[in-house]
Amino acid sequence: MCLAASAHAQPDHDLEFRALDLNGDGEVSLSEAAGHYETVTKFDRADRNRDGRLTRAEYERLKKMKTRVATARKKEPSAATGGSAKPR
C-alpha cells in the first residue's frame, strides 16, 4: 500500500520536470525554471554538483526541501540617520 502511494506521487513530479525541461535535454536550467517560484527559490540548494542544471534526482530532492523563511532582525538605530549611537 505504501508503494502505491509513492508510485502515485512520482508521476506528478515527473510531469512537472518534463514541463520545465523546455529543450528536452533531461535537465532543468535556471532559465528554464523561470516563472516557477518553488524551483527558482530552491534551485541553488538542490543543484548538488553546481553545474547550473537540475537532473531528475536533484529535482526530486528539491521537491522534498522545506522553504526557508527569512526572519527580521532587530535593528539598532543609526547615528547617521538621526538616532543616537550606543557607546561601546
N, C-alpha and C. Protein backbone atom coordinates (compact mmCIF):
# COMPACT_ATOMS: atom_id res chain seq x y z
N MET A 1 0.81 -1.18 0.00
CA MET A 1 0.00 0.00 0.00
C MET A 1 0.87 1.26 0.00
N CYS A 2 1.94 1.27 0.74
CA CYS A 2 2.85 2.41 0.77
C CYS A 2 3.53 2.58 -0.59
N LEU A 3 3.82 1.49 -1.25
CA LEU A 3 4.44 1.52 -2.57
C LEU A 3 3.52 2.20 -3.57
N ALA A 4 2.24 1.94 -3.48
CA ALA A 4 1.28 2.55 -4.39
C ALA A 4 1.21 4.07 -4.19
N ALA A 5 1.30 4.51 -2.96
CA ALA A 5 1.24 5.94 -2.68
C ALA A 5 2.48 6.65 -3.24
N SER A 6 3.66 6.06 -3.07
CA SER A 6 4.87 6.70 -3.59
C SER A 6 4.92 6.62 -5.11
N ALA A 7 4.38 5.57 -5.68
CA ALA A 7 4.34 5.46 -7.14
C ALA A 7 3.40 6.51 -7.72
N HIS A 8 2.35 6.85 -6.98
CA HIS A 8 1.40 7.86 -7.45
C HIS A 8 2.01 9.26 -7.37
N ALA A 9 2.81 9.54 -6.36
CA ALA A 9 3.41 10.86 -6.18
C ALA A 9 4.49 11.12 -7.23
N GLN A 10 5.24 10.12 -7.60
CA GLN A 10 6.34 10.25 -8.55
C GLN A 10 5.89 10.81 -9.90
N PRO A 11 4.82 10.31 -10.52
CA PRO A 11 4.43 10.84 -11.82
C PRO A 11 4.11 12.33 -11.80
N ASP A 12 3.58 12.85 -10.70
CA ASP A 12 3.30 14.28 -10.61
C ASP A 12 4.60 15.09 -10.73
N HIS A 13 5.64 14.67 -10.05
CA HIS A 13 6.93 15.34 -10.14
C HIS A 13 7.52 15.17 -11.53
N ASP A 14 7.32 14.00 -12.11
CA ASP A 14 7.83 13.74 -13.45
C ASP A 14 7.17 14.66 -14.48
N LEU A 15 5.87 14.86 -14.35
CA LEU A 15 5.16 15.77 -15.26
C LEU A 15 5.67 17.20 -15.11
N GLU A 16 5.88 17.64 -13.87
CA GLU A 16 6.42 18.98 -13.62
C GLU A 16 7.81 19.11 -14.22
N PHE A 17 8.64 18.11 -13.99
CA PHE A 17 10.02 18.14 -14.50
C PHE A 17 10.01 18.24 -16.02
N ARG A 18 9.22 17.42 -16.67
CA ARG A 18 9.16 17.44 -18.14
C ARG A 18 8.62 18.78 -18.66
N ALA A 19 7.67 19.37 -17.93
CA ALA A 19 7.13 20.67 -18.34
C ALA A 19 8.19 21.77 -18.22
N LEU A 20 9.04 21.68 -17.20
CA LEU A 20 10.09 22.67 -17.00
C LEU A 20 11.26 22.47 -17.97
N ASP A 21 11.50 21.24 -18.38
CA ASP A 21 12.62 20.92 -19.29
C ASP A 21 12.23 21.31 -20.72
N LEU A 22 12.32 22.59 -21.01
CA LEU A 22 11.83 23.12 -22.28
C LEU A 22 12.58 22.60 -23.50
N ASN A 23 13.89 22.36 -23.38
CA ASN A 23 14.64 21.89 -24.54
C ASN A 23 14.75 20.36 -24.61
N GLY A 24 14.17 19.67 -23.64
CA GLY A 24 14.13 18.20 -23.68
C GLY A 24 15.46 17.50 -23.49
N ASP A 25 16.43 18.17 -22.83
CA ASP A 25 17.74 17.54 -22.64
C ASP A 25 17.83 16.68 -21.39
N GLY A 26 16.72 16.58 -20.64
CA GLY A 26 16.72 15.76 -19.44
C GLY A 26 17.19 16.48 -18.20
N GLU A 27 17.43 17.79 -18.31
CA GLU A 27 17.86 18.60 -17.19
C GLU A 27 17.10 19.93 -17.23
N VAL A 28 16.97 20.56 -16.06
CA VAL A 28 16.28 21.84 -15.97
C VAL A 28 17.29 22.91 -15.55
N SER A 29 17.45 23.91 -16.40
CA SER A 29 18.34 25.03 -16.07
C SER A 29 17.54 26.08 -15.31
N LEU A 30 18.25 27.03 -14.73
CA LEU A 30 17.58 28.10 -14.00
C LEU A 30 16.72 28.94 -14.94
N SER A 31 17.19 29.15 -16.17
CA SER A 31 16.38 29.93 -17.11
C SER A 31 15.13 29.17 -17.53
N GLU A 32 15.20 27.84 -17.61
CA GLU A 32 14.01 27.05 -17.92
C GLU A 32 13.01 27.10 -16.76
N ALA A 33 13.53 27.22 -15.55
CA ALA A 33 12.68 27.23 -14.36
C ALA A 33 12.07 28.60 -14.08
N ALA A 34 12.50 29.62 -14.81
CA ALA A 34 12.00 30.98 -14.58
C ALA A 34 10.47 30.98 -14.60
N GLY A 35 9.89 31.62 -13.61
CA GLY A 35 8.44 31.67 -13.51
C GLY A 35 7.86 30.59 -12.61
N HIS A 36 8.67 29.63 -12.22
CA HIS A 36 8.23 28.57 -11.30
C HIS A 36 8.88 28.85 -9.95
N TYR A 37 8.16 29.59 -9.11
CA TYR A 37 8.69 30.13 -7.86
C TYR A 37 9.43 29.09 -7.01
N GLU A 38 8.81 27.97 -6.75
CA GLU A 38 9.42 26.96 -5.87
C GLU A 38 10.75 26.50 -6.41
N THR A 39 10.83 26.22 -7.69
CA THR A 39 12.07 25.72 -8.29
C THR A 39 13.16 26.79 -8.26
N VAL A 40 12.81 28.02 -8.59
CA VAL A 40 13.79 29.10 -8.61
C VAL A 40 14.35 29.35 -7.22
N THR A 41 13.49 29.39 -6.20
CA THR A 41 13.96 29.72 -4.85
C THR A 41 14.80 28.60 -4.22
N LYS A 42 14.61 27.38 -4.64
CA LYS A 42 15.36 26.26 -4.07
C LYS A 42 16.46 25.75 -5.00
N PHE A 43 16.59 26.35 -6.18
CA PHE A 43 17.48 25.83 -7.22
C PHE A 43 18.91 25.63 -6.74
N ASP A 44 19.51 26.67 -6.16
CA ASP A 44 20.92 26.58 -5.74
C ASP A 44 21.17 25.49 -4.71
N ARG A 45 20.24 25.33 -3.78
CA ARG A 45 20.42 24.27 -2.77
C ARG A 45 20.25 22.88 -3.37
N ALA A 46 19.41 22.76 -4.39
CA ALA A 46 19.15 21.45 -4.99
C ALA A 46 20.23 21.05 -5.99
N ASP A 47 20.91 22.01 -6.58
CA ASP A 47 21.94 21.73 -7.60
C ASP A 47 23.21 21.25 -6.91
N ARG A 48 23.24 19.98 -6.56
CA ARG A 48 24.33 19.41 -5.75
C ARG A 48 25.70 19.54 -6.39
N ASN A 49 25.81 19.34 -7.71
CA ASN A 49 27.12 19.37 -8.35
C ASN A 49 27.46 20.76 -8.91
N ARG A 50 26.59 21.74 -8.67
CA ARG A 50 26.82 23.13 -9.03
C ARG A 50 27.11 23.33 -10.53
N ASP A 51 26.40 22.58 -11.37
CA ASP A 51 26.60 22.72 -12.82
C ASP A 51 25.56 23.63 -13.47
N GLY A 52 24.64 24.18 -12.66
CA GLY A 52 23.64 25.09 -13.19
C GLY A 52 22.45 24.41 -13.83
N ARG A 53 22.35 23.10 -13.65
CA ARG A 53 21.23 22.32 -14.20
C ARG A 53 20.79 21.30 -13.16
N LEU A 54 19.48 21.05 -13.11
CA LEU A 54 18.96 20.04 -12.19
C LEU A 54 18.65 18.76 -12.96
N THR A 55 19.20 17.67 -12.48
CA THR A 55 18.85 16.36 -13.01
C THR A 55 17.52 15.95 -12.38
N ARG A 56 16.96 14.84 -12.82
CA ARG A 56 15.72 14.35 -12.21
C ARG A 56 15.92 14.07 -10.72
N ALA A 57 17.06 13.49 -10.37
CA ALA A 57 17.33 13.18 -8.96
C ALA A 57 17.43 14.47 -8.14
N GLU A 58 18.10 15.48 -8.67
CA GLU A 58 18.21 16.76 -7.97
C GLU A 58 16.84 17.42 -7.86
N TYR A 59 16.02 17.29 -8.89
CA TYR A 59 14.68 17.87 -8.85
C TYR A 59 13.83 17.17 -7.80
N GLU A 60 13.94 15.86 -7.68
CA GLU A 60 13.21 15.13 -6.64
C GLU A 60 13.65 15.59 -5.26
N ARG A 61 14.94 15.85 -5.10
CA ARG A 61 15.45 16.36 -3.83
C ARG A 61 14.86 17.74 -3.56
N LEU A 62 14.79 18.58 -4.58
CA LEU A 62 14.22 19.91 -4.44
C LEU A 62 12.78 19.83 -3.95
N LYS A 63 12.00 18.90 -4.47
CA LYS A 63 10.59 18.78 -4.10
C LYS A 63 10.42 18.38 -2.64
N LYS A 64 11.45 17.77 -2.04
CA LYS A 64 11.38 17.35 -0.64
C LYS A 64 11.88 18.42 0.32
N MET A 65 12.51 19.47 -0.21
CA MET A 65 13.08 20.52 0.63
C MET A 65 12.00 21.39 1.23
N LYS A 66 12.29 21.89 2.42
CA LYS A 66 11.42 22.87 3.04
C LYS A 66 11.84 24.25 2.56
N THR A 67 10.89 25.15 2.46
CA THR A 67 11.18 26.51 2.04
C THR A 67 11.71 27.29 3.23
N ARG A 68 12.81 27.98 3.02
CA ARG A 68 13.39 28.81 4.07
C ARG A 68 12.65 30.13 4.13
N VAL A 69 12.41 30.58 5.34
CA VAL A 69 11.74 31.86 5.54
C VAL A 69 12.68 32.75 6.33
N ALA A 70 12.95 33.92 5.80
CA ALA A 70 13.84 34.86 6.48
C ALA A 70 13.10 35.49 7.66
N THR A 71 13.83 35.69 8.74
CA THR A 71 13.25 36.35 9.90
C THR A 71 13.88 37.73 10.02
N ALA A 72 13.11 38.68 10.46
CA ALA A 72 13.60 40.05 10.61
C ALA A 72 14.49 40.15 11.84
N ARG A 73 15.58 40.86 11.70
CA ARG A 73 16.47 41.10 12.83
C ARG A 73 16.15 42.45 13.43
N LYS A 74 16.32 42.56 14.73
CA LYS A 74 16.08 43.85 15.39
C LYS A 74 17.26 44.76 15.06
N LYS A 75 16.94 45.90 14.47
CA LYS A 75 17.99 46.84 14.07
C LYS A 75 18.19 47.89 15.16
N GLU A 76 19.44 48.23 15.37
CA GLU A 76 19.80 49.31 16.28
C GLU A 76 19.68 50.62 15.50
N PRO A 77 19.23 51.67 16.14
CA PRO A 77 19.16 52.96 15.43
C PRO A 77 20.55 53.43 15.06
N SER A 78 20.65 54.02 13.90
CA SER A 78 21.93 54.50 13.40
C SER A 78 22.10 55.98 13.72
N ALA A 79 23.29 56.36 14.13
CA ALA A 79 23.58 57.77 14.40
C ALA A 79 23.53 58.58 13.11
N ALA A 80 23.79 57.94 11.99
CA ALA A 80 23.81 58.62 10.69
C ALA A 80 22.41 59.05 10.26
N THR A 81 21.37 58.40 10.75
CA THR A 81 20.01 58.74 10.34
C THR A 81 19.24 59.47 11.44
N GLY A 82 19.96 60.08 12.38
CA GLY A 82 19.30 60.85 13.42
C GLY A 82 19.12 60.11 14.71
N GLY A 83 19.45 58.84 14.76
CA GLY A 83 19.37 58.09 16.00
C GLY A 83 20.57 58.40 16.86
N SER A 84 20.65 57.81 17.99
CA SER A 84 21.84 58.03 18.80
C SER A 84 22.56 56.70 18.94
N ALA A 85 23.83 56.71 18.58
CA ALA A 85 24.63 55.51 18.65
C ALA A 85 24.90 55.18 20.11
N LYS A 86 24.85 53.91 20.44
CA LYS A 86 25.12 53.49 21.82
C LYS A 86 26.62 53.47 22.04
N PRO A 87 27.08 53.94 23.18
CA PRO A 87 28.52 53.85 23.48
C PRO A 87 28.91 52.40 23.68
N ARG A 88 30.09 52.08 23.27
CA ARG A 88 30.57 50.69 23.39
C ARG A 88 31.50 50.52 24.54
